[in-house]
């Protein structure tokens, strides 16, 4: 495996942070949508 020096980390770390943020954002959005869909279904069933 290649050595990770400071200059490699400077360009690599932001990319990993962005990917992690997108994954977390996706899970948060899916949970939010499930809640909204459940509320809408409850209103439709009234």
PDB file of N, CA and C in Angstrom:
ATOM      1  N   UNK A   1       0.844  -1.189   0.000  1.00  0.00           N
ATOM      2  CA  UNK A   1       0.000   0.000   0.000  1.00  0.00           C
ATOM      3  C   UNK A   1       0.878   1.237   0.000  1.00  0.00           C
ATOM      4  N   UNK A   2       0.471   2.244  -0.739  1.00  0.00           N
ATOM      5  CA  UNK A   2       1.266   3.467  -0.839  1.00  0.00           C
ATOM      6  C   UNK A   2       1.246   4.225   0.482  1.00  0.00           C
ATOM      7  N   UNK A   3       2.358   4.879   0.734  1.00  0.00           N
ATOM      8  CA  UNK A   3       2.416   5.708   1.946  1.00  0.00           C
ATOM      9  C   UNK A   3       1.528   6.929   1.764  1.00  0.00           C
ATOM     10  N   UNK A   4       0.830   7.307   2.825  1.00  0.00           N
ATOM     11  CA  UNK A   4      -0.020   8.492   2.768  1.00  0.00           C
ATOM     12  C   UNK A   4       0.731   9.622   3.457  1.00  0.00           C
ATOM     13  N   UNK A   5       1.193  10.573   2.675  1.00  0.00           N
ATOM     14  CA  UNK A   5       1.883  11.721   3.265  1.00  0.00           C
ATOM     15  C   UNK A   5       0.907  12.881   3.422  1.00  0.00           C
ATOM     16  N   UNK A   6       1.407  13.961   3.937  1.00  0.00           N
ATOM     17  CA  UNK A   6       0.549  15.107   4.243  1.00  0.00           C
ATOM     18  C   UNK A   6      -0.119  15.653   2.980  1.00  0.00           C
ATOM     19  N   UNK A   7       0.593  15.686   1.873  1.00  0.00           N
ATOM     20  CA  UNK A   7       0.042  16.269   0.651  1.00  0.00           C
ATOM     21  C   UNK A   7      -1.040  15.379   0.042  1.00  0.00           C
ATOM     22  N   UNK A   8      -0.888  14.093   0.166  1.00  0.00           N
ATOM     23  CA  UNK A   8      -1.939  13.179  -0.298  1.00  0.00           C
ATOM     24  C   UNK A   8      -3.175  13.333   0.570  1.00  0.00           C
ATOM     25  N   UNK A   9      -2.966  13.475   1.871  1.00  0.00           N
ATOM     26  CA  UNK A   9      -4.083  13.594   2.802  1.00  0.00           C
ATOM     27  C   UNK A   9      -4.870  14.881   2.588  1.00  0.00           C
ATOM     28  N   UNK A  10      -4.174  15.947   2.167  1.00  0.00           N
ATOM     29  CA  UNK A  10      -4.839  17.230   1.949  1.00  0.00           C
ATOM     30  C   UNK A  10      -5.900  17.112   0.863  1.00  0.00           C
ATOM     31  N   UNK A  11      -5.644  16.324  -0.159  1.00  0.00           N
ATOM     32  CA  UNK A  11      -6.644  16.166  -1.217  1.00  0.00           C
ATOM     33  C   UNK A  11      -7.580  14.991  -0.956  1.00  0.00           C
ATOM     34  N   UNK A  12      -7.147  14.023  -0.167  1.00  0.00           N
ATOM     35  CA  UNK A  12      -7.934  12.818   0.075  1.00  0.00           C
ATOM     36  C   UNK A  12      -8.987  13.035   1.154  1.00  0.00           C
ATOM     37  N   UNK A  13      -8.640  13.736   2.224  1.00  0.00           N
ATOM     38  CA  UNK A  13      -9.543  13.918   3.359  1.00  0.00           C
ATOM     39  C   UNK A  13     -10.843  14.643   2.981  1.00  0.00           C
ATOM     40  N   UNK A  14     -10.795  15.740   2.248  1.00  0.00           N
ATOM     41  CA  UNK A  14     -12.067  16.394   1.880  1.00  0.00           C
ATOM     42  C   UNK A  14     -12.980  15.499   1.049  1.00  0.00           C
ATOM     43  N   UNK A  15     -12.384  14.683   0.193  1.00  0.00           N
ATOM     44  CA  UNK A  15     -13.196  13.767  -0.617  1.00  0.00           C
ATOM     45  C   UNK A  15     -13.923  12.765   0.268  1.00  0.00           C
ATOM     46  N   UNK A  16     -13.233  12.221   1.251  1.00  0.00           N
ATOM     47  CA  UNK A  16     -13.855  11.259   2.163  1.00  0.00           C
ATOM     48  C   UNK A  16     -14.943  11.934   2.989  1.00  0.00           C
ATOM     49  N   UNK A  17     -14.692  13.165   3.416  1.00  0.00           N
ATOM     50  CA  UNK A  17     -15.704  13.899   4.190  1.00  0.00           C
ATOM     51  C   UNK A  17     -16.961  14.121   3.351  1.00  0.00           C
ATOM     52  N   UNK A  18     -16.791  14.477   2.095  1.00  0.00           N
ATOM     53  CA  UNK A  18     -17.945  14.710   1.218  1.00  0.00           C
ATOM     54  C   UNK A  18     -18.726  13.420   1.000  1.00  0.00           C
ATOM     55  N   UNK A  19     -18.020  12.329   0.748  1.00  0.00           N
ATOM     56  CA  UNK A  19     -18.696  11.039   0.539  1.00  0.00           C
ATOM     57  C   UNK A  19     -19.449  10.627   1.800  1.00  0.00           C
ATOM     58  N   UNK A  20     -18.822  10.790   2.965  1.00  0.00           N
ATOM     59  CA  UNK A  20     -19.479  10.444   4.228  1.00  0.00           C
ATOM     60  C   UNK A  20     -20.719  11.312   4.442  1.00  0.00           C
ATOM     61  N   UNK A  21     -20.616  12.602   4.134  1.00  0.00           N
ATOM     62  CA  UNK A  21     -21.757  13.504   4.295  1.00  0.00           C
ATOM     63  C   UNK A  21     -22.906  13.103   3.370  1.00  0.00           C
ATOM     64  N   UNK A  22     -22.598  12.695   2.161  1.00  0.00           N
ATOM     65  CA  UNK A  22     -23.645  12.265   1.228  1.00  0.00           C
ATOM     66  C   UNK A  22     -24.339  11.003   1.727  1.00  0.00           C
ATOM     67  N   UNK A  23     -23.567  10.057   2.276  1.00  0.00           N
ATOM     68  CA  UNK A  23     -24.165   8.822   2.782  1.00  0.00           C
ATOM     69  C   UNK A  23     -25.071   9.125   3.971  1.00  0.00           C
ATOM     70  N   UNK A  24     -24.582   9.937   4.907  1.00  0.00           N
ATOM     71  CA  UNK A  24     -25.394  10.299   6.077  1.00  0.00           C
ATOM     72  C   UNK A  24     -26.635  11.070   5.634  1.00  0.00           C
ATOM     73  N   UNK A  25     -26.465  12.001   4.702  1.00  0.00           N
ATOM     74  CA  UNK A  25     -27.591  12.783   4.204  1.00  0.00           C
ATOM     75  C   UNK A  25     -28.645  11.912   3.552  1.00  0.00           C
ATOM     76  N   UNK A  26     -28.213  10.890   2.834  1.00  0.00           N
ATOM     77  CA  UNK A  26     -29.155   9.975   2.194  1.00  0.00           C
ATOM     78  C   UNK A  26     -29.992   9.243   3.236  1.00  0.00           C
ATOM     79  N   UNK A  27     -29.333   8.719   4.286  1.00  0.00           N
ATOM     80  CA  UNK A  27     -30.079   8.007   5.327  1.00  0.00           C
ATOM     81  C   UNK A  27     -31.053   8.934   6.047  1.00  0.00           C
ATOM     82  N   UNK A  28     -30.633  10.171   6.314  1.00  0.00           N
ATOM     83  CA  UNK A  28     -31.525  11.130   6.979  1.00  0.00           C
ATOM     84  C   UNK A  28     -32.721  11.440   6.090  1.00  0.00           C
ATOM     85  N   UNK A  29     -32.474  11.626   4.804  1.00  0.00           N
ATOM     86  CA  UNK A  29     -33.567  11.936   3.876  1.00  0.00           C
ATOM     87  C   UNK A  29     -34.548  10.773   3.755  1.00  0.00           C
ATOM     88  N   UNK A  30     -34.032   9.549   3.715  1.00  0.00           N
ATOM     89  CA  UNK A  30     -34.917   8.377   3.610  1.00  0.00           C
ATOM     90  C   UNK A  30     -35.796   8.268   4.850  1.00  0.00           C
ATOM     91  N   UNK A  31     -35.210   8.471   6.038  1.00  0.00           N
ATOM     92  CA  UNK A  31     -36.002   8.403   7.270  1.00  0.00           C
ATOM     93  C   UNK A  31     -37.069   9.506   7.285  1.00  0.00           C
ATOM     94  N   UNK A  32     -36.700  10.706   6.830  1.00  0.00           N
ATOM     95  CA  UNK A  32     -37.656  11.814   6.788  1.00  0.00           C
ATOM     96  C   UNK A  32     -38.796  11.507   5.826  1.00  0.00           C
ATOM     97  N   UNK A  33     -38.454  10.986   4.648  1.00  0.00           N
ATOM     98  CA  UNK A  33     -39.492  10.667   3.671  1.00  0.00           C
ATOM     99  C   UNK A  33     -40.430   9.577   4.172  1.00  0.00           C
ATOM    100  N   UNK A  34     -39.889   8.568   4.851  1.00  0.00           N
ATOM    101  CA  UNK A  34     -40.752   7.517   5.404  1.00  0.00           C
ATOM    102  C   UNK A  34     -41.742   8.105   6.399  1.00  0.00           C
ATOM    103  N   UNK A  35     -41.284   9.052   7.229  1.00  0.00           N
ATOM    104  CA  UNK A  35     -42.173   9.670   8.215  1.00  0.00           C
ATOM    105  C   UNK A  35     -43.264  10.484   7.518  1.00  0.00           C
ATOM    106  N   UNK A  36     -42.872  11.244   6.507  1.00  0.00           N
ATOM    107  CA  UNK A  36     -43.841  12.072   5.784  1.00  0.00           C
ATOM    108  C   UNK A  36     -44.854  11.193   5.045  1.00  0.00           C
ATOM    109  N   UNK A  37     -44.381  10.118   4.435  1.00  0.00           N
ATOM    110  CA  UNK A  37     -45.294   9.211   3.720  1.00  0.00           C
ATOM    111  C   UNK A  37     -46.278   8.562   4.694  1.00  0.00           C
ATOM    112  N   UNK A  38     -45.797   8.192   5.879  1.00  0.00           N
ATOM    113  CA  UNK A  38     -46.681   7.592   6.877  1.00  0.00           C
ATOM    114  C   UNK A  38     -47.734   8.596   7.343  1.00  0.00           C
ATOM    115  N   UNK A  39     -47.330   9.845   7.529  1.00  0.00           N
ATOM    116  CA  UNK A  39     -48.298  10.870   7.930  1.00  0.00           C
ATOM    117  C   UNK A  39     -49.328  11.094   6.832  1.00  0.00           C
ATOM    118  N   UNK A  40     -48.879  11.122   5.599  1.00  0.00           N
ATOM    119  CA  UNK A  40     -49.793  11.328   4.478  1.00  0.00           C
ATOM    120  C   UNK A  40     -50.762  10.155   4.348  1.00  0.00           C
ATOM    121  N   UNK A  41     -50.269   8.957   4.565  1.00  0.00           N
ATOM    122  CA  UNK A  41     -51.140   7.785   4.498  1.00  0.00           C
ATOM    123  C   UNK A  41     -52.172   7.821   5.626  1.00  0.00           C
ATOM    124  N   UNK A  42     -51.771   8.293   6.791  1.00  0.00           N
ATOM    125  CA  UNK A  42     -52.709   8.388   7.909  1.00  0.00           C
ATOM    126  C   UNK A  42     -53.794   9.420   7.600  1.00  0.00           C
ATOM    127  N   UNK A  43     -53.412  10.523   6.983  1.00  0.00           N
ATOM    128  CA  UNK A  43     -54.413  11.534   6.613  1.00  0.00           C
ATOM    129  C   UNK A  43     -55.373  10.999   5.555  1.00  0.00           C
ATOM    130  N   UNK A  44     -54.836  10.231   4.626  1.00  0.00           N
ATOM    131  CA  UNK A  44     -55.679   9.690   3.561  1.00  0.00           C
ATOM    132  C   UNK A  44     -56.644   8.645   4.112  1.00  0.00           C
ATOM    133  N   UNK A  45     -56.283   7.993   5.208  1.00  0.00           N
ATOM    134  CA  UNK A  45     -57.129   6.959   5.772  1.00  0.00           C
ATOM    135  C   UNK A  45     -58.204   7.483   6.700  1.00  0.00           C
ATOM    136  N   UNK A  46     -58.194   8.770   6.959  1.00  0.00           N
ATOM    137  CA  UNK A  46     -59.189   9.335   7.885  1.00  0.00           C
ATOM    138  C   UNK A  46     -60.578   9.319   7.292  1.00  0.00           C
TER     139      UNK A  46
END
